[in-house]
Amino acid sequence: QFRIGDDGFERMLVVAPLGTSPARAGRISQRLLEIETYRLMALRGLPVAKELGPMLARAEVRCPA
């Protein structure tokens, strides 16, 4: 669940099996942060994509296949 808290921060809890090495836990955490970064970057373009969607749909209808 991706939600920003009242303080403006998002929190993640990484739960790993007992015996997971600190290095492995760090790699898991890093991958999760990278996924979140990519998700946020993709969302930055969403308003523009929504705005251009109808125009692109009209252009697609006019273009011969």
Protein backbone atom coordinates (compact mmCIF):
# COMPACT_ATOMS: atom_id res chain seq x y z
CA GLN A 1 0.00 0.00 0.00
CA PHE A 2 1.62 3.24 -1.15
CA ARG A 3 0.52 6.11 1.02
CA ILE A 4 2.23 9.27 2.19
CA GLY A 5 1.89 9.88 5.91
CA ASP A 6 0.69 13.08 7.52
CA ASP A 7 4.34 14.03 7.97
CA GLY A 8 4.96 13.80 4.20
CA PHE A 9 7.02 10.63 4.37
CA GLU A 10 6.38 7.13 3.12
CA ARG A 11 7.47 4.20 5.25
CA MET A 12 8.38 0.65 4.26
CA LEU A 13 8.75 -2.35 6.47
CA VAL A 14 11.08 -5.03 5.14
CA VAL A 15 10.52 -8.38 6.81
CA ALA A 16 13.14 -11.05 6.11
CA PRO A 17 13.46 -14.59 7.43
CA LEU A 18 15.58 -15.19 10.50
CA GLY A 19 19.20 -15.69 9.57
CA THR A 20 19.12 -13.25 6.66
CA SER A 21 22.49 -11.58 6.51
CA PRO A 22 22.70 -7.81 6.84
CA ALA A 23 24.13 -7.65 3.31
CA ARG A 24 21.16 -9.60 1.91
CA ALA A 25 18.68 -7.42 3.83
CA GLY A 26 20.44 -4.35 2.43
CA ARG A 27 20.15 -5.67 -1.13
CA ILE A 28 16.45 -6.38 -0.64
CA SER A 29 15.90 -2.88 0.76
CA GLN A 30 17.85 -1.31 -2.10
CA ARG A 31 15.77 -3.15 -4.70
CA LEU A 32 12.54 -2.06 -3.03
CA LEU A 33 13.71 1.56 -3.03
CA GLU A 34 14.66 1.30 -6.71
CA ILE A 35 11.21 -0.09 -7.55
CA GLU A 36 9.59 2.78 -5.65
CA THR A 37 11.80 5.31 -7.46
CA TYR A 38 10.80 3.89 -10.87
CA ARG A 39 7.13 3.92 -9.84
CA LEU A 40 7.30 7.57 -8.82
CA MET A 41 9.13 8.53 -12.02
CA ALA A 42 6.45 6.79 -14.10
CA LEU A 43 3.71 8.62 -12.20
CA ARG A 44 5.30 11.98 -13.00
CA GLY A 45 4.35 11.50 -16.66
CA LEU A 46 0.78 10.37 -15.94
CA PRO A 47 -0.88 13.84 -16.03
CA VAL A 48 0.69 14.59 -19.42
CA ALA A 49 -0.33 11.17 -20.77
CA LYS A 50 -3.92 11.72 -19.59
CA GLU A 51 -3.99 15.14 -21.20
CA LEU A 52 -2.64 13.91 -24.53
CA GLY A 53 -4.71 10.70 -24.61
CA PRO A 54 -7.79 12.09 -26.42
CA MET A 55 -5.67 13.92 -29.00
CA LEU A 56 -3.65 10.77 -29.70
CA ALA A 57 -6.84 8.71 -30.01
CA ARG A 58 -8.20 11.15 -32.63
CA ALA A 59 -4.92 11.11 -34.54
CA GLU A 60 -4.88 7.30 -34.48
CA VAL A 61 -8.37 7.18 -36.05
CA ARG A 62 -7.27 9.53 -38.85
CA CYS A 63 -4.06 7.66 -39.65
CA PRO A 64 -4.33 4.94 -42.30
CA ALA A 65 -3.29 1.52 -41.13
